[in-house]
N, C-alpha and C. Protein backbone atom coordinates (compact mmCIF):
# COMPACT_ATOMS: atom_id res chain seq x y z
N MET A 1 0.63 -1.50 -0.41
CA MET A 1 -0.07 -0.04 0.21
C MET A 1 1.10 1.16 0.16
N SER A 2 0.45 2.50 -0.79
CA SER A 2 1.08 3.58 -0.35
C SER A 2 0.78 4.59 0.27
N PRO A 3 1.37 5.51 1.22
CA PRO A 3 0.90 6.33 2.21
C PRO A 3 -0.52 7.42 1.63
N LEU A 4 -1.14 7.72 2.31
CA LEU A 4 -1.84 8.53 2.42
C LEU A 4 -1.75 9.64 1.66
N PRO A 5 -2.77 10.12 0.08
CA PRO A 5 -2.38 11.29 -0.48
C PRO A 5 -1.90 12.77 0.30
N ARG A 6 -1.08 12.97 -0.53
CA ARG A 6 -0.32 14.33 0.04
C ARG A 6 -1.14 15.27 0.63
N HIS A 7 -1.98 15.34 -0.64
CA HIS A 7 -3.19 16.65 -0.25
C HIS A 7 -4.83 16.45 1.00
N THR A 8 -4.29 15.45 1.96
CA THR A 8 -4.98 15.07 2.95
C THR A 8 -5.22 15.97 3.74
N VAL A 9 -6.43 16.57 4.10
CA VAL A 9 -6.95 17.97 4.68
C VAL A 9 -7.06 17.40 6.02
N TYR A 10 -6.35 17.77 6.94
CA TYR A 10 -6.43 17.76 8.51
C TYR A 10 -7.16 18.74 9.31
N ALA A 11 -8.15 18.69 10.52
CA ALA A 11 -8.67 19.53 10.94
C ALA A 11 -8.19 20.45 11.75
N SER A 12 -7.21 20.42 12.29
CA SER A 12 -6.14 20.89 13.12
C SER A 12 -4.61 20.74 13.32
N PRO A 13 -3.78 21.88 13.27
CA PRO A 13 -2.37 21.10 13.41
C PRO A 13 -1.87 20.93 14.68
N TYR A 14 -3.09 21.38 15.73
CA TYR A 14 -2.44 20.53 17.39
C TYR A 14 -2.80 19.28 17.40
N ARG A 15 -3.87 19.37 16.36
CA ARG A 15 -4.49 17.35 17.15
C ARG A 15 -4.29 16.70 15.89
N LEU A 16 -3.77 15.30 16.32
CA LEU A 16 -3.88 14.57 15.17
C LEU A 16 -5.50 13.58 15.46
N GLU A 17 -6.33 13.64 14.73
CA GLU A 17 -7.73 12.92 15.13
C GLU A 17 -7.47 11.26 15.13
N ASP A 18 -8.29 10.32 15.15
CA ASP A 18 -8.12 9.15 15.03
C ASP A 18 -8.19 8.58 13.57
N HIS A 19 -9.42 9.64 12.92
CA HIS A 19 -9.54 9.22 11.66
C HIS A 19 -8.70 10.09 10.63
N GLU A 20 -7.38 10.55 10.88
CA GLU A 20 -6.58 11.09 10.25
C GLU A 20 -4.99 10.41 10.10
N GLY A 21 -4.52 10.67 8.90
CA GLY A 21 -3.31 10.17 9.08
C GLY A 21 -3.23 8.32 8.71
N PRO A 22 -2.21 8.04 9.11
CA PRO A 22 -2.15 6.29 8.20
C PRO A 22 -3.63 5.50 9.32
N GLN A 23 -3.96 4.96 8.44
CA GLN A 23 -5.25 4.23 9.54
C GLN A 23 -4.94 2.60 9.40
N THR A 24 -4.21 2.21 8.97
CA THR A 24 -3.49 0.53 9.09
C THR A 24 -2.22 0.48 9.20
N LEU A 25 -1.24 -0.33 9.89
CA LEU A 25 0.11 -0.80 9.72
C LEU A 25 1.05 -0.44 8.49
N ALA A 26 0.10 -1.37 7.86
CA ALA A 26 0.49 -1.26 6.27
C ALA A 26 0.86 0.34 5.36
N GLU A 27 -0.03 1.27 5.91
CA GLU A 27 -0.21 2.72 5.52
C GLU A 27 0.98 3.38 6.60
N LEU A 28 0.53 2.83 7.31
CA LEU A 28 1.89 3.76 8.64
C LEU A 28 3.37 3.02 8.50
N ARG A 29 3.34 2.20 7.87
CA ARG A 29 5.12 2.00 7.54
C ARG A 29 5.51 2.19 5.90
N ALA A 30 4.46 2.48 4.87
CA ALA A 30 4.62 2.64 3.94
C ALA A 30 5.08 4.64 3.99
N ALA A 31 3.86 5.63 4.77
CA ALA A 31 4.45 6.56 5.17
C ALA A 31 5.90 6.92 5.85
N LEU A 32 6.11 5.73 6.82
CA LEU A 32 7.76 6.01 7.78
C LEU A 32 8.68 5.63 6.57
N ALA A 33 8.37 4.63 5.98
CA ALA A 33 9.46 4.30 4.52
C ALA A 33 9.40 5.64 3.98
N ASP A 34 8.60 6.29 3.17
CA ASP A 34 8.66 7.81 2.59
C ASP A 34 9.54 8.82 3.52
N ILE A 35 9.21 8.18 4.32
CA ILE A 35 9.91 9.76 5.50
C ILE A 35 11.50 9.44 5.36
N ASP A 36 11.99 7.96 5.64
CA ASP A 36 13.13 7.80 6.04
C ASP A 36 13.05 6.46 6.38
N PRO A 37 13.56 5.49 5.42
CA PRO A 37 13.61 4.22 6.07
C PRO A 37 14.44 3.35 7.29
N ALA A 38 14.81 4.42 7.86
CA ALA A 38 15.88 4.36 8.91
C ALA A 38 14.30 4.27 10.25
N GLU A 39 13.52 5.39 10.18
CA GLU A 39 12.47 5.37 10.78
C GLU A 39 11.65 4.36 11.04
N LEU A 40 11.35 3.72 9.08
CA LEU A 40 10.58 2.78 9.16
C LEU A 40 11.63 1.58 10.25
N THR A 41 12.37 1.02 10.26
CA THR A 41 13.35 0.33 10.76
C THR A 41 12.75 0.32 12.33
N ALA A 42 13.32 1.21 12.53
CA ALA A 42 13.17 1.71 14.28
C ALA A 42 11.78 1.52 14.67
N PHE A 43 10.76 1.80 14.22
CA PHE A 43 8.98 1.94 14.19
C PHE A 43 9.08 -0.10 14.28
N ASP A 44 9.33 -0.79 13.24
CA ASP A 44 9.55 -1.64 13.58
C ASP A 44 10.34 -2.85 14.97
N ALA A 45 11.25 -2.39 15.51
CA ALA A 45 12.00 -2.67 16.15
C ALA A 45 11.36 -2.36 17.78
N ARG A 46 10.75 -1.34 17.49
CA ARG A 46 9.94 -0.91 18.73
C ARG A 46 8.74 -1.24 18.84
N LEU A 47 8.21 -1.98 17.64
CA LEU A 47 6.40 -2.67 17.72
C LEU A 47 6.95 -4.08 18.55
N GLU A 48 8.01 -4.26 17.94
CA GLU A 48 8.26 -5.87 18.26
C GLU A 48 8.65 -6.14 19.62
N ALA A 49 9.15 -5.05 20.24
CA ALA A 49 9.63 -4.67 21.31
C ALA A 49 8.25 -4.62 22.24
N ALA A 50 7.41 -4.14 21.79
CA ALA A 50 6.25 -3.53 23.01
C ALA A 50 5.95 -4.95 22.96
N ARG A 51 4.70 -4.13 24.24
CA ARG A 51 3.86 -5.54 25.01
C ARG A 51 2.44 -5.17 24.17
N PHE A 52 1.53 -5.66 24.47
CA PHE A 52 0.06 -5.91 23.35
C PHE A 52 -0.67 -4.80 24.69
N GLY A 53 -1.75 -4.29 23.69
CA GLY A 53 -2.39 -2.71 24.51
C GLY A 53 -2.08 -1.83 24.57
N ASP A 54 -1.55 -1.23 25.70
CA ASP A 54 -1.02 0.16 25.56
C ASP A 54 0.47 0.20 24.84
N GLY A 55 1.57 -1.15 25.28
CA GLY A 55 2.62 -0.62 24.47
C GLY A 55 2.62 -0.50 23.10
N TYR A 56 1.61 -1.35 22.21
CA TYR A 56 1.31 -1.01 20.67
C TYR A 56 1.15 0.14 20.59
N ARG A 57 0.00 0.78 21.13
CA ARG A 57 -0.72 2.11 20.79
C ARG A 57 0.29 3.16 21.44
N ALA A 58 1.33 3.16 22.20
CA ALA A 58 2.00 3.63 22.42
C ALA A 58 2.98 4.26 21.22
N VAL A 59 3.63 2.75 21.08
CA VAL A 59 4.30 2.87 19.78
C VAL A 59 3.73 3.27 18.21
N ILE A 60 2.48 3.08 18.06
CA ILE A 60 1.61 3.31 16.78
C ILE A 60 1.52 4.79 16.60
N THR A 61 0.94 5.47 18.50
CA THR A 61 0.71 6.73 18.15
C THR A 61 1.67 7.42 18.11
N GLN A 62 2.51 7.46 18.28
CA GLN A 62 4.33 7.72 18.50
C GLN A 62 4.51 8.18 16.80
N ALA A 63 4.60 7.04 16.44
CA ALA A 63 4.55 7.05 14.91
C ALA A 63 3.80 7.33 14.00
N ARG A 64 2.65 7.97 14.01
CA ARG A 64 1.76 8.67 13.53
C ARG A 64 1.85 9.73 13.77
N GLN A 65 2.25 10.31 14.92
CA GLN A 65 2.47 11.89 15.29
C GLN A 65 3.94 12.00 14.36
N LEU A 66 5.12 10.95 14.19
CA LEU A 66 6.22 11.85 13.82
C LEU A 66 5.57 11.79 12.21
N VAL A 67 4.97 11.17 11.45
CA VAL A 67 4.22 11.27 9.93
C VAL A 67 3.68 12.90 9.93
N ALA A 68 2.92 12.90 11.16
CA ALA A 68 1.73 14.38 11.17
C ALA A 68 2.97 15.32 10.47
N ILE A 69 4.31 15.16 11.75
CA ILE A 69 5.20 16.27 11.94
C ILE A 69 5.89 16.33 10.81
N ARG A 70 6.25 15.64 10.18
CA ARG A 70 7.39 15.36 9.04
C ARG A 70 6.99 15.43 8.42
N THR A 71 5.54 15.43 7.53
CA THR A 71 4.66 15.59 6.15
C THR A 71 3.80 16.60 6.58
N ARG A 72 3.24 17.29 7.28
CA ARG A 72 2.33 18.41 7.44
C ARG A 72 2.63 19.78 7.72
N PRO A 73 2.52 20.65 6.76
CA PRO A 73 3.81 21.81 6.61
C PRO A 73 2.82 22.80 7.79
N GLU A 74 1.38 22.58 7.87
CA GLU A 74 1.13 23.30 8.83
C GLU A 74 1.18 23.07 10.58
N VAL A 75 1.54 22.03 10.32
CA VAL A 75 2.16 20.98 11.92
C VAL A 75 3.61 21.72 12.15
N ARG A 76 4.40 21.43 11.28
CA ARG A 76 5.96 22.22 11.00
C ARG A 76 5.24 24.25 11.55
N GLU A 77 4.78 24.66 11.01
CA GLU A 77 4.37 25.89 11.11
C GLU A 77 4.02 26.49 12.52
N ALA A 78 3.35 25.53 13.07
CA ALA A 78 2.82 25.83 14.57
C ALA A 78 3.75 25.35 15.18
N ILE A 79 4.38 24.36 15.41
CA ILE A 79 5.76 24.33 16.00
C ILE A 79 6.93 25.16 15.79
N ARG A 80 7.20 25.66 14.88
CA ARG A 80 8.38 27.16 14.65
C ARG A 80 7.53 27.96 15.16
N ALA A 81 6.11 28.53 15.23
CA ALA A 81 5.46 30.07 16.00
C ALA A 81 5.48 29.65 17.18
N SER A 82 5.32 28.19 17.77
CA SER A 82 5.16 28.36 19.21
C SER A 82 6.56 28.49 20.03
N LEU A 83 7.26 27.87 19.50
CA LEU A 83 9.28 27.53 19.87
C LEU A 83 9.16 29.24 19.88
N ALA A 84 9.39 30.19 18.93
CA ALA A 84 9.56 31.39 18.28
C ALA A 84 8.48 32.27 19.37
N GLY A 85 7.86 31.83 20.45
CA GLY A 85 6.87 32.52 21.02
C GLY A 85 5.98 33.72 20.69
N GLU A 86 5.56 32.97 18.85
CA GLU A 86 4.58 33.73 18.09
C GLU A 86 2.97 33.25 18.18
N THR A 87 2.92 32.57 19.27
CA THR A 87 1.55 32.17 19.39
C THR A 87 0.95 32.71 20.87
N GLU A 88 -0.20 32.76 20.55
CA GLU A 88 -1.01 32.88 21.94
C GLU A 88 -1.51 32.08 22.93
N LEU A 89 -1.77 31.76 24.24
CA LEU A 89 -1.67 30.64 24.71
C LEU A 89 -3.09 30.39 24.72
N MET A 90 -3.58 29.29 24.76
CA MET A 90 -4.88 29.07 24.81
C MET A 90 -5.71 29.62 26.25
N THR A 91 -7.09 30.18 26.18
CA THR A 91 -7.42 30.25 27.43
C THR A 91 -8.33 29.20 27.91
N VAL A 92 -8.88 29.28 29.39
CA VAL A 92 -9.52 27.92 30.04
C VAL A 92 -10.71 27.59 29.13
N GLU A 93 -10.84 28.69 28.71
CA GLU A 93 -12.25 28.68 28.00
C GLU A 93 -12.80 27.91 26.99
N ASP A 94 -11.29 28.26 25.92
CA ASP A 94 -10.79 27.69 24.71
C ASP A 94 -10.76 26.17 24.57
N LEU A 95 -9.72 26.06 25.70
CA LEU A 95 -9.37 24.98 26.16
C LEU A 95 -11.04 23.97 26.47
N PHE A 96 -11.33 24.47 27.24
CA PHE A 96 -13.09 23.42 27.56
C PHE A 96 -13.41 23.63 26.09
N ALA A 97 -13.71 24.67 25.39
CA ALA A 97 -14.54 24.45 24.01
C ALA A 97 -13.91 23.21 22.97
N GLU A 98 -12.65 23.42 23.29
CA GLU A 98 -11.93 22.48 22.35
C GLU A 98 -12.44 20.89 22.38
N LEU A 99 -12.27 20.48 24.35
CA LEU A 99 -12.39 19.24 24.79
C LEU A 99 -13.93 19.02 24.02
N ASP A 100 -14.50 20.22 24.61
CA ASP A 100 -16.07 19.72 24.25
C ASP A 100 -16.61 19.20 22.73
N LYS A 101 -15.62 19.23 22.44
CA LYS A 101 -15.59 19.26 20.49
C LYS A 101 -15.72 17.48 20.29
N GLY A 102 -14.77 17.15 21.18
CA GLY A 102 -14.75 15.33 21.46
C GLY A 102 -14.12 15.07 20.78
N GLY A 103 -13.53 14.06 21.00
CA GLY A 103 -12.40 13.03 20.14
C GLY A 103 -11.27 12.86 21.00
N ALA A 104 -10.56 11.98 20.54
CA ALA A 104 -9.28 11.75 21.39
C ALA A 104 -7.96 11.88 20.14
N ALA A 105 -6.97 12.98 20.94
CA ALA A 105 -5.97 13.07 20.34
C ALA A 105 -4.49 11.72 19.83
N SER A 106 -4.59 11.62 18.96
CA SER A 106 -3.44 10.10 18.83
C SER A 106 -2.04 10.91 18.85
């Protein structure tokens, strides 16, 4: 399988929703291989060493986040702006409004 199309639209550069990004191990492996074959090798080693349940989930989540960071320009820009102090902090009201929208970050 090939990775997701490069034109995939994401809801937010600050949150990776479950339905966004690679959806299968084959898609995730393909995306990691596109980024850097060494990333795929490292992912496979971490996955092989992980325990079922939370261990697998953590390895897969980390890899999905890496794909988002390395392939989504809006994520890289959000990180750059945050590190440069060019972003405003979220208010408590905005935080709770965002949480009320539902969905889990991955």
